[in-house]
């Protein structure tokens, strides 16, 4: 009789273990589903495509360069701001930098 009770208890423990494993499996599955749902929610369509961003950054960088050259040559250097685009101005700067001693 004692052995039958122990067998009965061991079965319930085994059943409890199986139930616990099944519950853990369900929890893991739920977590995977939640992660998947979270990833799906994070997805958003870009308003400005990447290739357009690269072009815009390049264009704005060139514009900033030209504006800086004009400010530096025209306002700080006391010259005409549009003279910065003349080839003779740049040739003169190169001659000054490379002048022979």
PDB file of N, CA and C in Angstrom:
ATOM      1  N   UNK A   1       0.797  -1.174   0.000  1.00  0.00           N
ATOM      2  CA  UNK A   1       0.000   0.000   0.000  1.00  0.00           C
ATOM      3  C   UNK A   1       0.860   1.266   0.000  1.00  0.00           C
ATOM      4  N   UNK A   2       1.940   1.197   0.697  1.00  0.00           N
ATOM      5  CA  UNK A   2       2.831   2.340   0.747  1.00  0.00           C
ATOM      6  C   UNK A   2       3.437   2.585  -0.632  1.00  0.00           C
ATOM      7  N   UNK A   3       3.799   1.517  -1.306  1.00  0.00           N
ATOM      8  CA  UNK A   3       4.395   1.676  -2.633  1.00  0.00           C
ATOM      9  C   UNK A   3       3.384   2.245  -3.623  1.00  0.00           C
ATOM     10  N   UNK A   4       2.127   1.872  -3.484  1.00  0.00           N
ATOM     11  CA  UNK A   4       1.103   2.417  -4.364  1.00  0.00           C
ATOM     12  C   UNK A   4       0.932   3.907  -4.144  1.00  0.00           C
ATOM     13  N   UNK A   5       1.015   4.347  -2.882  1.00  0.00           N
ATOM     14  CA  UNK A   5       0.906   5.775  -2.592  1.00  0.00           C
ATOM     15  C   UNK A   5       2.092   6.525  -3.187  1.00  0.00           C
ATOM     16  N   UNK A   6       3.287   5.939  -3.070  1.00  0.00           N
ATOM     17  CA  UNK A   6       4.474   6.584  -3.620  1.00  0.00           C
ATOM     18  C   UNK A   6       4.372   6.664  -5.139  1.00  0.00           C
ATOM     19  N   UNK A   7       3.875   5.589  -5.748  1.00  0.00           N
ATOM     20  CA  UNK A   7       3.713   5.624  -7.193  1.00  0.00           C
ATOM     21  C   UNK A   7       2.701   6.691  -7.576  1.00  0.00           C
ATOM     22  N   UNK A   8       1.650   6.811  -6.811  1.00  0.00           N
ATOM     23  CA  UNK A   8       0.635   7.825  -7.069  1.00  0.00           C
ATOM     24  C   UNK A   8       1.215   9.220  -6.922  1.00  0.00           C
ATOM     25  N   UNK A   9       2.066   9.399  -5.905  1.00  0.00           N
ATOM     26  CA  UNK A   9       2.692  10.703  -5.699  1.00  0.00           C
ATOM     27  C   UNK A   9       3.689  10.997  -6.804  1.00  0.00           C
ATOM     28  N   UNK A  10       4.451   9.997  -7.217  1.00  0.00           N
ATOM     29  CA  UNK A  10       5.440  10.221  -8.260  1.00  0.00           C
ATOM     30  C   UNK A  10       4.744  10.545  -9.593  1.00  0.00           C
ATOM     31  N   UNK A  11       3.617   9.977  -9.806  1.00  0.00           N
ATOM     32  CA  UNK A  11       2.880  10.287 -11.036  1.00  0.00           C
ATOM     33  C   UNK A  11       2.416  11.739 -11.005  1.00  0.00           C
ATOM     34  N   UNK A  12       1.919  12.130  -9.886  1.00  0.00           N
ATOM     35  CA  UNK A  12       1.456  13.521  -9.821  1.00  0.00           C
ATOM     36  C   UNK A  12       2.640  14.477  -9.937  1.00  0.00           C
ATOM     37  N   UNK A  13       3.769  14.117  -9.376  1.00  0.00           N
ATOM     38  CA  UNK A  13       4.956  14.969  -9.532  1.00  0.00           C
ATOM     39  C   UNK A  13       5.386  15.019 -10.993  1.00  0.00           C
ATOM     40  N   UNK A  14       5.346  13.860 -11.639  1.00  0.00           N
ATOM     41  CA  UNK A  14       5.711  13.813 -13.052  1.00  0.00           C
ATOM     42  C   UNK A  14       4.726  14.635 -13.873  1.00  0.00           C
ATOM     43  N   UNK A  15       3.468  14.496 -13.519  1.00  0.00           N
ATOM     44  CA  UNK A  15       2.459  15.274 -14.227  1.00  0.00           C
ATOM     45  C   UNK A  15       2.677  16.771 -13.992  1.00  0.00           C
ATOM     46  N   UNK A  16       3.019  17.094 -12.745  1.00  0.00           N
ATOM     47  CA  UNK A  16       3.280  18.496 -12.435  1.00  0.00           C
ATOM     48  C   UNK A  16       4.494  19.010 -13.210  1.00  0.00           C
ATOM     49  N   UNK A  17       5.518  18.185 -13.323  1.00  0.00           N
ATOM     50  CA  UNK A  17       6.706  18.570 -14.090  1.00  0.00           C
ATOM     51  C   UNK A  17       6.345  18.781 -15.559  1.00  0.00           C
ATOM     52  N   UNK A  18       5.541  17.851 -16.082  1.00  0.00           N
ATOM     53  CA  UNK A  18       5.119  17.971 -17.473  1.00  0.00           C
ATOM     54  C   UNK A  18       4.275  19.231 -17.686  1.00  0.00           C
ATOM     55  N   UNK A  19       3.402  19.490 -16.729  1.00  0.00           N
ATOM     56  CA  UNK A  19       2.586  20.696 -16.828  1.00  0.00           C
ATOM     57  C   UNK A  19       3.467  21.950 -16.765  1.00  0.00           C
ATOM     58  N   UNK A  20       4.462  21.899 -15.892  1.00  0.00           N
ATOM     59  CA  UNK A  20       5.376  23.040 -15.761  1.00  0.00           C
ATOM     60  C   UNK A  20       6.168  23.238 -17.052  1.00  0.00           C
ATOM     61  N   UNK A  21       6.636  22.136 -17.636  1.00  0.00           N
ATOM     62  CA  UNK A  21       7.370  22.230 -18.900  1.00  0.00           C
ATOM     63  C   UNK A  21       6.471  22.769 -20.001  1.00  0.00           C
ATOM     64  N   UNK A  22       5.229  22.296 -20.026  1.00  0.00           N
ATOM     65  CA  UNK A  22       4.287  22.772 -21.040  1.00  0.00           C
ATOM     66  C   UNK A  22       4.019  24.263 -20.854  1.00  0.00           C
ATOM     67  N   UNK A  23       3.887  24.694 -19.604  1.00  0.00           N
ATOM     68  CA  UNK A  23       3.657  26.112 -19.328  1.00  0.00           C
ATOM     69  C   UNK A  23       4.872  26.943 -19.754  1.00  0.00           C
ATOM     70  N   UNK A  24       6.079  26.434 -19.498  1.00  0.00           N
ATOM     71  CA  UNK A  24       7.288  27.141 -19.903  1.00  0.00           C
ATOM     72  C   UNK A  24       7.366  27.239 -21.424  1.00  0.00           C
ATOM     73  N   UNK A  25       6.966  26.178 -22.090  1.00  0.00           N
ATOM     74  CA  UNK A  25       6.969  26.174 -23.558  1.00  0.00           C
ATOM     75  C   UNK A  25       6.001  27.227 -24.091  1.00  0.00           C
ATOM     76  N   UNK A  26       4.827  27.290 -23.466  1.00  0.00           N
ATOM     77  CA  UNK A  26       3.839  28.279 -23.881  1.00  0.00           C
ATOM     78  C   UNK A  26       4.358  29.692 -23.639  1.00  0.00           C
ATOM     79  N   UNK A  27       5.027  29.900 -22.508  1.00  0.00           N
ATOM     80  CA  UNK A  27       5.595  31.212 -22.201  1.00  0.00           C
ATOM     81  C   UNK A  27       6.650  31.613 -23.237  1.00  0.00           C
ATOM     82  N   UNK A  28       7.501  30.662 -23.596  1.00  0.00           N
ATOM     83  CA  UNK A  28       8.516  30.941 -24.612  1.00  0.00           C
ATOM     84  C   UNK A  28       7.866  31.293 -25.944  1.00  0.00           C
ATOM     85  N   UNK A  29       6.833  30.561 -26.289  1.00  0.00           N
ATOM     86  CA  UNK A  29       6.126  30.815 -27.541  1.00  0.00           C
ATOM     87  C   UNK A  29       5.482  32.202 -27.520  1.00  0.00           C
ATOM     88  N   UNK A  30       4.875  32.553 -26.378  1.00  0.00           N
ATOM     89  CA  UNK A  30       4.251  33.869 -26.249  1.00  0.00           C
ATOM     90  C   UNK A  30       5.295  34.973 -26.367  1.00  0.00           C
ATOM     91  N   UNK A  31       6.460  34.768 -25.747  1.00  0.00           N
ATOM     92  CA  UNK A  31       7.522  35.766 -25.822  1.00  0.00           C
ATOM     93  C   UNK A  31       8.002  35.942 -27.257  1.00  0.00           C
ATOM     94  N   UNK A  32       8.134  34.840 -27.986  1.00  0.00           N
ATOM     95  CA  UNK A  32       8.537  34.922 -29.394  1.00  0.00           C
ATOM     96  C   UNK A  32       7.498  35.698 -30.198  1.00  0.00           C
ATOM     97  N   UNK A  33       6.239  35.409 -29.943  1.00  0.00           N
ATOM     98  CA  UNK A  33       5.174  36.109 -30.656  1.00  0.00           C
ATOM     99  C   UNK A  33       5.179  37.594 -30.314  1.00  0.00           C
ATOM    100  N   UNK A  34       5.408  37.919 -29.043  1.00  0.00           N
ATOM    101  CA  UNK A  34       5.450  39.320 -28.635  1.00  0.00           C
ATOM    102  C   UNK A  34       6.623  40.045 -29.293  1.00  0.00           C
ATOM    103  N   UNK A  35       7.780  39.388 -29.374  1.00  0.00           N
ATOM    104  CA  UNK A  35       8.933  39.997 -30.036  1.00  0.00           C
ATOM    105  C   UNK A  35       8.630  40.253 -31.507  1.00  0.00           C
ATOM    106  N   UNK A  36       7.989  39.276 -32.134  1.00  0.00           N
ATOM    107  CA  UNK A  36       7.645  39.415 -33.542  1.00  0.00           C
ATOM    108  C   UNK A  36       6.664  40.572 -33.746  1.00  0.00           C
ATOM    109  N   UNK A  37       5.673  40.660 -32.878  1.00  0.00           N
ATOM    110  CA  UNK A  37       4.707  41.752 -32.962  1.00  0.00           C
ATOM    111  C   UNK A  37       5.394  43.101 -32.743  1.00  0.00           C
ATOM    112  N   UNK A  38       6.327  43.135 -31.805  1.00  0.00           N
ATOM    113  CA  UNK A  38       7.045  44.364 -31.509  1.00  0.00           C
ATOM    114  C   UNK A  38       7.872  44.806 -32.711  1.00  0.00           C
ATOM    115  N   UNK A  39       8.518  43.842 -33.380  1.00  0.00           N
ATOM    116  CA  UNK A  39       9.290  44.160 -34.577  1.00  0.00           C
ATOM    117  C   UNK A  39       8.366  44.679 -35.677  1.00  0.00           C
ATOM    118  N   UNK A  40       7.201  44.082 -35.795  1.00  0.00           N
ATOM    119  CA  UNK A  40       6.263  44.518 -36.823  1.00  0.00           C
ATOM    120  C   UNK A  40       5.774  45.929 -36.531  1.00  0.00           C
ATOM    121  N   UNK A  41       5.613  46.285 -35.264  1.00  0.00           N
ATOM    122  CA  UNK A  41       5.171  47.626 -34.903  1.00  0.00           C
ATOM    123  C   UNK A  41       6.274  48.648 -35.152  1.00  0.00           C
ATOM    124  N   UNK A  42       7.530  48.266 -34.974  1.00  0.00           N
ATOM    125  CA  UNK A  42       8.641  49.188 -35.156  1.00  0.00           C
ATOM    126  C   UNK A  42       8.805  49.587 -36.612  1.00  0.00           C
ATOM    127  N   UNK A  43       8.429  48.732 -37.535  1.00  0.00           N
ATOM    128  CA  UNK A  43       8.618  49.006 -38.950  1.00  0.00           C
ATOM    129  C   UNK A  43       7.816  50.225 -39.351  1.00  0.00           C
ATOM    130  N   UNK A  44       8.490  51.155 -40.032  1.00  0.00           N
ATOM    131  CA  UNK A  44       7.795  52.310 -40.548  1.00  0.00           C
ATOM    132  C   UNK A  44       8.374  52.645 -41.909  1.00  0.00           C
ATOM    133  N   UNK A  45       7.565  53.215 -42.721  1.00  0.00           N
ATOM    134  CA  UNK A  45       8.016  53.567 -44.056  1.00  0.00           C
ATOM    135  C   UNK A  45       8.775  54.893 -43.971  1.00  0.00           C
ATOM    136  N   UNK A  46       9.902  54.971 -44.665  1.00  0.00           N
ATOM    137  CA  UNK A  46      10.700  56.195 -44.654  1.00  0.00           C
ATOM    138  C   UNK A  46      10.013  57.253 -45.506  1.00  0.00           C
ATOM    139  N   UNK A  47       9.973  58.474 -44.974  1.00  0.00           N
ATOM    140  CA  UNK A  47       9.400  59.565 -45.745  1.00  0.00           C
ATOM    141  C   UNK A  47      10.364  60.025 -46.829  1.00  0.00           C
ATOM    142  N   UNK A  48      11.663  60.023 -46.494  1.00  0.00           N
ATOM    143  CA  UNK A  48      12.692  60.415 -47.464  1.00  0.00           C
ATOM    144  C   UNK A  48      13.602  59.212 -47.663  1.00  0.00           C
ATOM    145  N   UNK A  49      13.678  58.692 -48.882  1.00  0.00           N
ATOM    146  CA  UNK A  49      14.522  57.514 -49.125  1.00  0.00           C
ATOM    147  C   UNK A  49      15.999  57.811 -48.860  1.00  0.00           C
ATOM    148  N   UNK A  50      16.764  56.768 -48.617  1.00  0.00           N
ATOM    149  CA  UNK A  50      18.179  56.918 -48.276  1.00  0.00           C
ATOM    150  C   UNK A  50      18.950  57.564 -49.420  1.00  0.00           C
ATOM    151  N   UNK A  51      18.691  57.162 -50.656  1.00  0.00           N
ATOM    152  CA  UNK A  51      19.428  57.740 -51.783  1.00  0.00           C
ATOM    153  C   UNK A  51      19.173  59.239 -51.889  1.00  0.00           C
ATOM    154  N   UNK A  52      17.960  59.685 -51.581  1.00  0.00           N
ATOM    155  CA  UNK A  52      17.658  61.111 -51.622  1.00  0.00           C
ATOM    156  C   UNK A  52      18.350  61.842 -50.475  1.00  0.00           C
ATOM    157  N   UNK A  53      18.454  61.183 -49.325  1.00  0.00           N
ATOM    158  CA  UNK A  53      19.175  61.788 -48.198  1.00  0.00           C
ATOM    159  C   UNK A  53      20.634  62.018 -48.547  1.00  0.00           C
ATOM    160  N   UNK A  54      21.250  61.038 -49.210  1.00  0.00           N
ATOM    161  CA  UNK A  54      22.661  61.170 -49.589  1.00  0.00           C
ATOM    162  C   UNK A  54      22.833  62.338 -50.555  1.00  0.00           C
ATOM    163  N   UNK A  55      21.941  62.443 -51.514  1.00  0.00           N
ATOM    164  CA  UNK A  55      22.019  63.541 -52.471  1.00  0.00           C
ATOM    165  C   UNK A  55      21.825  64.880 -51.770  1.00  0.00           C
ATOM    166  N   UNK A  56      20.849  64.954 -50.869  1.00  0.00           N
ATOM    167  CA  UNK A  56      20.595  66.208 -50.154  1.00  0.00           C
ATOM    168  C   UNK A  56      21.780  66.615 -49.287  1.00  0.00           C
ATOM    169  N   UNK A  57      22.382  65.669 -48.594  1.00  0.00           N
ATOM    170  CA  UNK A  57      23.544  65.977 -47.762  1.00  0.00           C
ATOM    171  C   UNK A  57      24.692  66.482 -48.626  1.00  0.00           C
ATOM    172  N   UNK A  58      24.903  65.867 -49.778  1.00  0.00           N
ATOM    173  CA  UNK A  58      25.965  66.301 -50.685  1.00  0.00           C
ATOM    174  C   UNK A  58      25.698  67.718 -51.200  1.00  0.00           C
ATOM    175  N   UNK A  59      24.482  67.974 -51.619  1.00  0.00           N
ATOM    176  CA  UNK A  59      24.133  69.301 -52.144  1.00  0.00           C
ATOM    177  C   UNK A  59      24.284  70.361 -51.057  1.00  0.00           C
ATOM    178  N   UNK A  60      23.780  70.075 -49.859  1.00  0.00           N
ATOM    179  CA  UNK A  60      23.895  71.053 -48.771  1.00  0.00           C
ATOM    180  C   UNK A  60      25.353  71.274 -48.367  1.00  0.00           C
ATOM    181  N   UNK A  61      26.162  70.238 -48.449  1.00  0.00           N
ATOM    182  CA  UNK A  61      27.584  70.392 -48.126  1.00  0.00           C
ATOM    183  C   UNK A  61      28.282  71.299 -49.139  1.00  0.00           C
ATOM    184  N   UNK A  62      27.969  71.120 -50.413  1.00  0.00           N
ATOM    185  CA  UNK A  62      28.568  71.969 -51.455  1.00  0.00           C
ATOM    186  C   UNK A  62      28.095  73.412 -51.290  1.00  0.00           C
ATOM    187  N   UNK A  63      26.809  73.598 -51.005  1.00  0.00           N
ATOM    188  CA  UNK A  63      26.293  74.949 -50.777  1.00  0.00           C
ATOM    189  C   UNK A  63      26.966  75.604 -49.572  1.00  0.00           C
ATOM    190  N   UNK A  64      27.175  74.847 -48.518  1.00  0.00           N
ATOM    191  CA  UNK A  64      27.850  75.378 -47.337  1.00  0.00           C
ATOM    192  C   UNK A  64      29.293  75.748 -47.655  1.00  0.00           C
ATOM    193  N   UNK A  65      29.953  74.937 -48.482  1.00  0.00           N
ATOM    194  CA  UNK A  65      31.319  75.247 -48.898  1.00  0.00           C
ATOM    195  C   UNK A  65      31.364  76.559 -49.664  1.00  0.00           C
ATOM    196  N   UNK A  66      30.469  76.719 -50.649  1.00  0.00           N
ATOM    197  CA  UNK A  66      30.443  77.959 -51.433  1.00  0.00           C
ATOM    198  C   UNK A  66      30.118  79.164 -50.556  1.00  0.00           C
ATOM    199  N   UNK A  67      29.158  79.003 -49.650  1.00  0.00           N
ATOM    200  CA  UNK A  67      28.810  80.114 -48.749  1.00  0.00           C
ATOM    201  C   UNK A  67      29.992  80.475 -47.862  1.00  0.00           C
ATOM    202  N   UNK A  68      30.693  79.470 -47.365  1.00  0.00           N
ATOM    203  CA  UNK A  68      31.874  79.741 -46.532  1.00  0.00           C
ATOM    204  C   UNK A  68      32.981  80.433 -47.297  1.00  0.00           C
ATOM    205  N   UNK A  69      33.195  79.993 -48.543  1.00  0.00           N
ATOM    206  CA  UNK A  69      34.204  80.655 -49.383  1.00  0.00           C
ATOM    207  C   UNK A  69      33.839  82.115 -49.633  1.00  0.00           C
ATOM    208  N   UNK A  70      32.569  82.361 -49.922  1.00  0.00           N
ATOM    209  CA  UNK A  70      32.131  83.729 -50.200  1.00  0.00           C
ATOM    210  C   UNK A  70      32.246  84.611 -48.967  1.00  0.00           C
ATOM    211  N   UNK A  71      31.885  84.075 -47.822  1.00  0.00           N
ATOM    212  CA  UNK A  71      31.984  84.850 -46.579  1.00  0.00           C
ATOM    213  C   UNK A  71      33.451  85.101 -46.239  1.00  0.00           C
ATOM    214  N   UNK A  72      34.256  84.083 -46.378  1.00  0.00           N
ATOM    215  CA  UNK A  72      35.678  84.242 -46.052  1.00  0.00           C
ATOM    216  C   UNK A  72      36.394  85.200 -46.967  1.00  0.00           C
ATOM    217  N   UNK A  73      36.135  85.123 -48.253  1.00  0.00           N
ATOM    218  CA  UNK A  73      36.838  85.977 -49.216  1.00  0.00           C
ATOM    219  C   UNK A  73      36.218  87.367 -49.277  1.00  0.00           C
ATOM    220  N   UNK A  74      34.895  87.434 -49.234  1.00  0.00           N
ATOM    221  CA  UNK A  74      34.213  88.718 -49.421  1.00  0.00           C
ATOM    222  C   UNK A  74      34.110  89.558 -48.180  1.00  0.00           C
ATOM    223  N   UNK A  75      33.742  88.965 -47.064  1.00  0.00           N
ATOM    224  CA  UNK A  75      33.499  89.750 -45.851  1.00  0.00           C
ATOM    225  C   UNK A  75      34.755  89.824 -44.995  1.00  0.00           C
ATOM    226  N   UNK A  76      35.354  88.709 -44.720  1.00  0.00           N
ATOM    227  CA  UNK A  76      36.551  88.696 -43.871  1.00  0.00           C
ATOM    228  C   UNK A  76      37.757  89.207 -44.651  1.00  0.00           C
ATOM    229  N   UNK A  77      37.851  88.852 -45.919  1.00  0.00           N
ATOM    230  CA  UNK A  77      39.012  89.233 -46.721  1.00  0.00           C
ATOM    231  C   UNK A  77      38.874  90.558 -47.446  1.00  0.00           C
ATOM    232  N   UNK A  78      37.794  91.259 -47.273  1.00  0.00           N
ATOM    233  CA  UNK A  78      37.563  92.578 -47.883  1.00  0.00           C
ATOM    234  C   UNK A  78      37.637  92.546 -49.405  1.00  0.00           C
ATOM    235  N   UNK A  79      37.120  91.525 -50.027  1.00  0.00           N
ATOM    236  CA  UNK A  79      37.051  91.451 -51.482  1.00  0.00           C
ATOM    237  C   UNK A  79      35.604  91.323 -51.912  1.00  0.00           C
ATOM    238  N   UNK A  80      35.390  91.185 -53.188  1.00  0.00           N
ATOM    239  CA  UNK A  80      34.024  90.952 -53.668  1.00  0.00           C
ATOM    240  C   UNK A  80      33.697  89.468 -53.453  1.00  0.00           C
ATOM    241  N   UNK A  81      32.556  89.153 -52.868  1.00  0.00           N
ATOM    242  CA  UNK A  81      32.216  87.755 -52.621  1.00  0.00           C
ATOM    243  C   UNK A  81      32.134  86.911 -53.891  1.00  0.00           C
ATOM    244  N   UNK A  82      31.758  87.511 -55.015  1.00  0.00           N
ATOM    245  CA  UNK A  82      31.643  86.731 -56.253  1.00  0.00           C
ATOM    246  C   UNK A  82      33.001  86.466 -56.893  1.00  0.00           C
ATOM    247  N   UNK A  83      34.027  87.199 -56.470  1.00  0.00           N
ATOM    248  CA  UNK A  83      35.370  86.984 -57.026  1.00  0.00           C
ATOM    249  C   UNK A  83      35.956  85.643 -56.616  1.00  0.00           C
ATOM    250  N   UNK A  84      35.369  85.008 -55.629  1.00  0.00           N
ATOM    251  CA  UNK A  84      35.882  83.719 -55.177  1.00  0.00           C
ATOM    252  C   UNK A  84      35.704  82.652 -56.259  1.00  0.00           C
ATOM    253  N   UNK A  85      34.805  82.891 -57.208  1.00  0.00           N
ATOM    254  CA  UNK A  85      34.550  81.907 -58.258  1.00  0.00           C
ATOM    255  C   UNK A  85      35.413  82.133 -59.507  1.00  0.00           C
ATOM    256  N   UNK A  86      36.222  83.171 -59.523  1.00  0.00           N
ATOM    257  CA  UNK A  86      37.115  83.429 -60.658  1.00  0.00           C
ATOM    258  C   UNK A  86      38.344  82.535 -60.580  1.00  0.00           C
ATOM    259  N   UNK A  87      38.760  82.030 -61.728  1.00  0.00           N
ATOM    260  CA  UNK A  87      39.932  81.149 -61.772  1.00  0.00           C
ATOM    261  C   UNK A  87      41.199  81.920 -61.426  1.00  0.00           C
ATOM    262  N   UNK A  88      41.262  83.166 -61.806  1.00  0.00           N
ATOM    263  CA  UNK A  88      42.466  83.971 -61.544  1.00  0.00           C
ATOM    264  C   UNK A  88      42.698  84.137 -60.043  1.00  0.00           C
ATOM    265  N   UNK A  89      41.633  84.190 -59.267  1.00  0.00           N
ATOM    266  CA  UNK A  89      41.772  84.303 -57.806  1.00  0.00           C
ATOM    267  C   UNK A  89      42.455  83.061 -57.252  1.00  0.00           C
ATOM    268  N   UNK A  90      42.025  81.909 -57.704  1.00  0.00           N
ATOM    269  CA  UNK A  90      42.594  80.666 -57.207  1.00  0.00           C
ATOM    270  C   UNK A  90      44.028  80.467 -57.707  1.00  0.00           C
ATOM    271  N   UNK A  91      44.301  80.920 -58.912  1.00  0.00           N
ATOM    272  CA  UNK A  91      45.666  80.833 -59.426  1.00  0.00           C
ATOM    273  C   UNK A  91      46.595  81.716 -58.598  1.00  0.00           C
ATOM    274  N   UNK A  92      46.104  82.876 -58.202  1.00  0.00           N
ATOM    275  CA  UNK A  92      46.886  83.783 -57.360  1.00  0.00           C
ATOM    276  C   UNK A  92      47.158  83.147 -55.989  1.00  0.00           C
ATOM    277  N   UNK A  93      46.157  82.490 -55.415  1.00  0.00           N
ATOM    278  CA  UNK A  93      46.324  81.821 -54.110  1.00  0.00           C
ATOM    279  C   UNK A  93      47.337  80.694 -54.232  1.00  0.00           C
ATOM    280  N   UNK A  94      47.270  79.925 -55.307  1.00  0.00           N
ATOM    281  CA  UNK A  94      48.220  78.833 -55.516  1.00  0.00           C
ATOM    282  C   UNK A  94      49.638  79.389 -55.681  1.00  0.00           C
ATOM    283  N   UNK A  95      49.780  80.493 -56.403  1.00  0.00           N
ATOM    284  CA  UNK A  95      51.093  81.122 -56.586  1.00  0.00           C
ATOM    285  C   UNK A  95      51.669  81.590 -55.255  1.00  0.00           C
ATOM    286  N   UNK A  96      50.823  82.133 -54.387  1.00  0.00           N
ATOM    287  CA  UNK A  96      51.294  82.583 -53.073  1.00  0.00           C
ATOM    288  C   UNK A  96      51.756  81.404 -52.237  1.00  0.00           C
ATOM    289  N   UNK A  97      51.014  80.321 -52.267  1.00  0.00           N
ATOM    290  CA  UNK A  97      51.358  79.151 -51.458  1.00  0.00           C
ATOM    291  C   UNK A  97      52.632  78.482 -51.971  1.00  0.00           C
ATOM    292  N   UNK A  98      52.781  78.418 -53.296  1.00  0.00           N
ATOM    293  CA  UNK A  98      53.924  77.709 -53.873  1.00  0.00           C
ATOM    294  C   UNK A  98      55.066  78.630 -54.299  1.00  0.00           C
ATOM    295  N   UNK A  99      55.070  79.863 -53.850  1.00  0.00           N
ATOM    296  CA  UNK A  99      56.115  80.774 -54.311  1.00  0.00           C
ATOM    297  C   UNK A  99      57.492  80.240 -53.919  1.00  0.00           C
ATOM    298  N   UNK A 100      58.431  80.472 -54.795  1.00  0.00           N
ATOM    299  CA  UNK A 100      59.778  79.963 -54.569  1.00  0.00           C
ATOM    300  C   UNK A 100      60.574  80.966 -53.750  1.00  0.00           C
ATOM    301  N   UNK A 101      61.431  80.451 -52.905  1.00  0.00           N
ATOM    302  CA  UNK A 101      62.198  81.315 -52.014  1.00  0.00           C
ATOM    303  C   UNK A 101      63.559  81.574 -52.557  1.00  0.00           C
TER     304      UNK A 101
END
